[in-house]
Amino acid sequence: MVSEIQGSNSGIVQSANNNSSQVSQKKVDDTKKAEASTSVASSSVNLTQTASSLQALEKSIAAAPEVDQQKVDAVRKAINEGTYKVDSERTATKLIDFDTALPKQS
């Protein structure tokens, strides 16, 4: 009876050893993956001159105010004083240009 118990235990021990080696291999694989991702993260990227220019332009646009307050104040003052004149020919041309640029719907 003792040999049967030992025999049963040896199977459990063998199974535990297999699980232990699988866990060890997984740890090694995870370590290799972490090292690979670290080396990828330290890679550098070179931008083209056009991409660098676009990046600089994007930063300058983001830093610019959305509204030209001086222009708004000047137009507001001219309207209040009654000196603001609308150039009807320019306005009509801009409306036609805008309408022409719109996609046509059927």
C-alpha atoms as a PDB file:
ATOM      1  CA  MET A   1       0.000   0.000   0.000  1.00  0.00           C
ATOM      2  CA  VAL A   2       2.867   2.354   0.716  1.00  0.00           C
ATOM      3  CA  SER A   3       4.243   1.858  -2.771  1.00  0.00           C
ATOM      4  CA  GLU A   4       0.882   2.789  -4.276  1.00  0.00           C
ATOM      5  CA  ILE A   5       0.837   6.026  -2.308  1.00  0.00           C
ATOM      6  CA  GLN A   6       4.409   6.733  -3.330  1.00  0.00           C
ATOM      7  CA  GLY A   7       3.529   5.922  -6.891  1.00  0.00           C
ATOM      8  CA  SER A   8       0.588   8.305  -6.766  1.00  0.00           C
ATOM      9  CA  ASN A   9       2.739  10.989  -5.148  1.00  0.00           C
ATOM     10  CA  SER A  10       5.463  10.564  -7.742  1.00  0.00           C
ATOM     11  CA  GLY A  11       2.919  11.406 -10.446  1.00  0.00           C
ATOM     12  CA  ILE A  12       1.924  14.512  -8.524  1.00  0.00           C
ATOM     13  CA  VAL A  13       5.574  15.450  -8.036  1.00  0.00           C
ATOM     14  CA  GLN A  14       6.243  14.895 -11.748  1.00  0.00           C
ATOM     15  CA  SER A  15       3.221  17.053 -12.633  1.00  0.00           C
ATOM     16  CA  ALA A  16       4.392  19.763 -10.242  1.00  0.00           C
ATOM     17  CA  ASN A  17       7.857  19.663 -11.801  1.00  0.00           C
ATOM     18  CA  ASN A  18       6.350  20.056 -15.281  1.00  0.00           C
ATOM     19  CA  ASN A  19       4.237  23.015 -14.127  1.00  0.00           C
ATOM     20  CA  SER A  20       7.275  24.573 -12.472  1.00  0.00           C
ATOM     21  CA  SER A  21       9.326  24.323 -15.661  1.00  0.00           C
ATOM     22  CA  GLN A  22       6.443  25.802 -17.683  1.00  0.00           C
ATOM     23  CA  VAL A  23       6.222  28.741 -15.267  1.00  0.00           C
ATOM     24  CA  SER A  24       9.993  29.237 -15.468  1.00  0.00           C
ATOM     25  CA  GLN A  25       9.864  29.203 -19.289  1.00  0.00           C
ATOM     26  CA  LYS A  26       7.001  31.728 -19.264  1.00  0.00           C
ATOM     27  CA  LYS A  27       9.058  34.036 -17.032  1.00  0.00           C
ATOM     28  CA  VAL A  28      11.997  33.775 -19.455  1.00  0.00           C
ATOM     29  CA  ASP A  29       9.677  34.502 -22.417  1.00  0.00           C
ATOM     30  CA  ASP A  30       8.139  37.493 -20.606  1.00  0.00           C
ATOM     31  CA  THR A  31      11.601  38.840 -19.790  1.00  0.00           C
ATOM     32  CA  LYS A  32      12.635  38.533 -23.443  1.00  0.00           C
ATOM     33  CA  LYS A  33       9.462  40.344 -24.539  1.00  0.00           C
ATOM     34  CA  ALA A  34      10.093  43.139 -22.036  1.00  0.00           C
ATOM     35  CA  GLU A  35      13.675  43.516 -23.264  1.00  0.00           C
ATOM     36  CA  ALA A  36      12.476  43.606 -26.878  1.00  0.00           C
ATOM     37  CA  SER A  37       9.869  46.270 -26.129  1.00  0.00           C
ATOM     38  CA  THR A  38      12.484  48.318 -24.267  1.00  0.00           C
ATOM     39  CA  SER A  39      14.804  48.230 -27.251  1.00  0.00           C
ATOM     40  CA  VAL A  40      11.931  49.253 -29.541  1.00  0.00           C
ATOM     41  CA  ALA A  41      10.995  52.111 -27.228  1.00  0.00           C
ATOM     42  CA  SER A  42      14.526  53.493 -27.369  1.00  0.00           C
ATOM     43  CA  SER A  43      14.538  53.607 -31.186  1.00  0.00           C
ATOM     44  CA  SER A  44      14.671  56.993 -32.817  1.00  0.00           C
ATOM     45  CA  VAL A  45      12.564  58.475 -35.570  1.00  0.00           C
ATOM     46  CA  ASN A  46      13.818  60.890 -38.193  1.00  0.00           C
ATOM     47  CA  LEU A  47      11.294  63.309 -39.640  1.00  0.00           C
ATOM     48  CA  THR A  48      11.527  64.702 -43.125  1.00  0.00           C
ATOM     49  CA  GLN A  49      12.026  68.423 -43.589  1.00  0.00           C
ATOM     50  CA  THR A  50       8.384  68.748 -44.647  1.00  0.00           C
ATOM     51  CA  ALA A  51       7.157  66.951 -41.525  1.00  0.00           C
ATOM     52  CA  SER A  52       9.365  69.136 -39.340  1.00  0.00           C
ATOM     53  CA  SER A  53       8.029  72.263 -41.054  1.00  0.00           C
ATOM     54  CA  LEU A  54       4.437  71.109 -40.585  1.00  0.00           C
ATOM     55  CA  GLN A  55       5.109  70.382 -36.929  1.00  0.00           C
ATOM     56  CA  ALA A  56       6.559  73.882 -36.411  1.00  0.00           C
ATOM     57  CA  LEU A  57       3.636  75.448 -38.292  1.00  0.00           C
ATOM     58  CA  GLU A  58       1.133  73.523 -36.174  1.00  0.00           C
ATOM     59  CA  LYS A  59       2.795  74.814 -33.000  1.00  0.00           C
ATOM     60  CA  SER A  60       2.734  78.426 -34.214  1.00  0.00           C
ATOM     61  CA  ILE A  61      -0.933  78.163 -35.211  1.00  0.00           C
ATOM     62  CA  ALA A  62      -1.805  76.681 -31.826  1.00  0.00           C
ATOM     63  CA  ALA A  63      -0.038  79.591 -30.125  1.00  0.00           C
ATOM     64  CA  ALA A  64      -1.823  82.243 -32.216  1.00  0.00           C
ATOM     65  CA  PRO A  65      -5.020  83.776 -30.839  1.00  0.00           C
ATOM     66  CA  GLU A  66      -8.274  82.653 -32.470  1.00  0.00           C
ATOM     67  CA  VAL A  67      -9.527  86.220 -32.872  1.00  0.00           C
ATOM     68  CA  ASP A  68      -7.641  89.296 -34.049  1.00  0.00           C
ATOM     69  CA  GLN A  69      -9.018  91.555 -31.339  1.00  0.00           C
ATOM     70  CA  GLN A  70      -7.506  94.724 -32.850  1.00  0.00           C
ATOM     71  CA  LYS A  71      -9.324  94.121 -36.121  1.00  0.00           C
ATOM     72  CA  VAL A  72     -12.593  93.379 -34.308  1.00  0.00           C
ATOM     73  CA  ASP A  73     -12.242  96.582 -32.282  1.00  0.00           C
ATOM     74  CA  ALA A  74     -11.495  98.646 -35.423  1.00  0.00           C
ATOM     75  CA  VAL A  75     -14.559  97.277 -37.274  1.00  0.00           C
ATOM     76  CA  ARG A  76     -16.769  97.751 -34.193  1.00  0.00           C
ATOM     77  CA  LYS A  77     -15.571 101.361 -33.854  1.00  0.00           C
ATOM     78  CA  ALA A  78     -16.194 102.080 -37.568  1.00  0.00           C
ATOM     79  CA  ILE A  79     -19.722 100.615 -37.342  1.00  0.00           C
ATOM     80  CA  ASN A  80     -20.513 102.652 -34.224  1.00  0.00           C
ATOM     81  CA  GLU A  81     -19.205 105.841 -35.873  1.00  0.00           C
ATOM     82  CA  GLY A  82     -21.091 105.107 -39.106  1.00  0.00           C
ATOM     83  CA  THR A  83     -17.887 105.108 -41.166  1.00  0.00           C
ATOM     84  CA  TYR A  84     -17.819 101.392 -41.996  1.00  0.00           C
ATOM     85  CA  LYS A  85     -18.430 100.872 -45.704  1.00  0.00           C
ATOM     86  CA  VAL A  86     -19.316  97.539 -47.279  1.00  0.00           C
ATOM     87  CA  ASP A  87     -17.646  96.827 -50.620  1.00  0.00           C
ATOM     88  CA  SER A  88     -20.640  95.241 -52.371  1.00  0.00           C
ATOM     89  CA  GLU A  89     -18.631  94.127 -55.406  1.00  0.00           C
ATOM     90  CA  ARG A  90     -16.063  92.320 -53.226  1.00  0.00           C
ATOM     91  CA  THR A  91     -18.831  90.740 -51.131  1.00  0.00           C
ATOM     92  CA  ALA A  92     -20.638  89.480 -54.261  1.00  0.00           C
ATOM     93  CA  THR A  93     -17.399  88.054 -55.675  1.00  0.00           C
ATOM     94  CA  LYS A  94     -16.659  86.222 -52.424  1.00  0.00           C
ATOM     95  CA  LEU A  95     -20.207  84.796 -52.305  1.00  0.00           C
ATOM     96  CA  ILE A  96     -19.916  83.540 -55.894  1.00  0.00           C
ATOM     97  CA  ASP A  97     -16.476  82.024 -55.184  1.00  0.00           C
ATOM     98  CA  PHE A  98     -17.852  80.278 -52.110  1.00  0.00           C
ATOM     99  CA  ASP A  99     -20.884  78.945 -53.976  1.00  0.00           C
ATOM    100  CA  THR A 100     -18.674  77.684 -56.805  1.00  0.00           C
ATOM    101  CA  ALA A 101     -16.413  75.837 -54.340  1.00  0.00           C
ATOM    102  CA  LEU A 102     -19.327  73.962 -52.756  1.00  0.00           C
ATOM    103  CA  PRO A 103     -20.038  70.457 -54.049  1.00  0.00           C
ATOM    104  CA  LYS A 104     -23.084  70.316 -56.295  1.00  0.00           C
ATOM    105  CA  GLN A 105     -26.042  68.255 -55.113  1.00  0.00           C
ATOM    106  CA  SER A 106     -28.433  66.609 -57.562  1.00  0.00           C
END
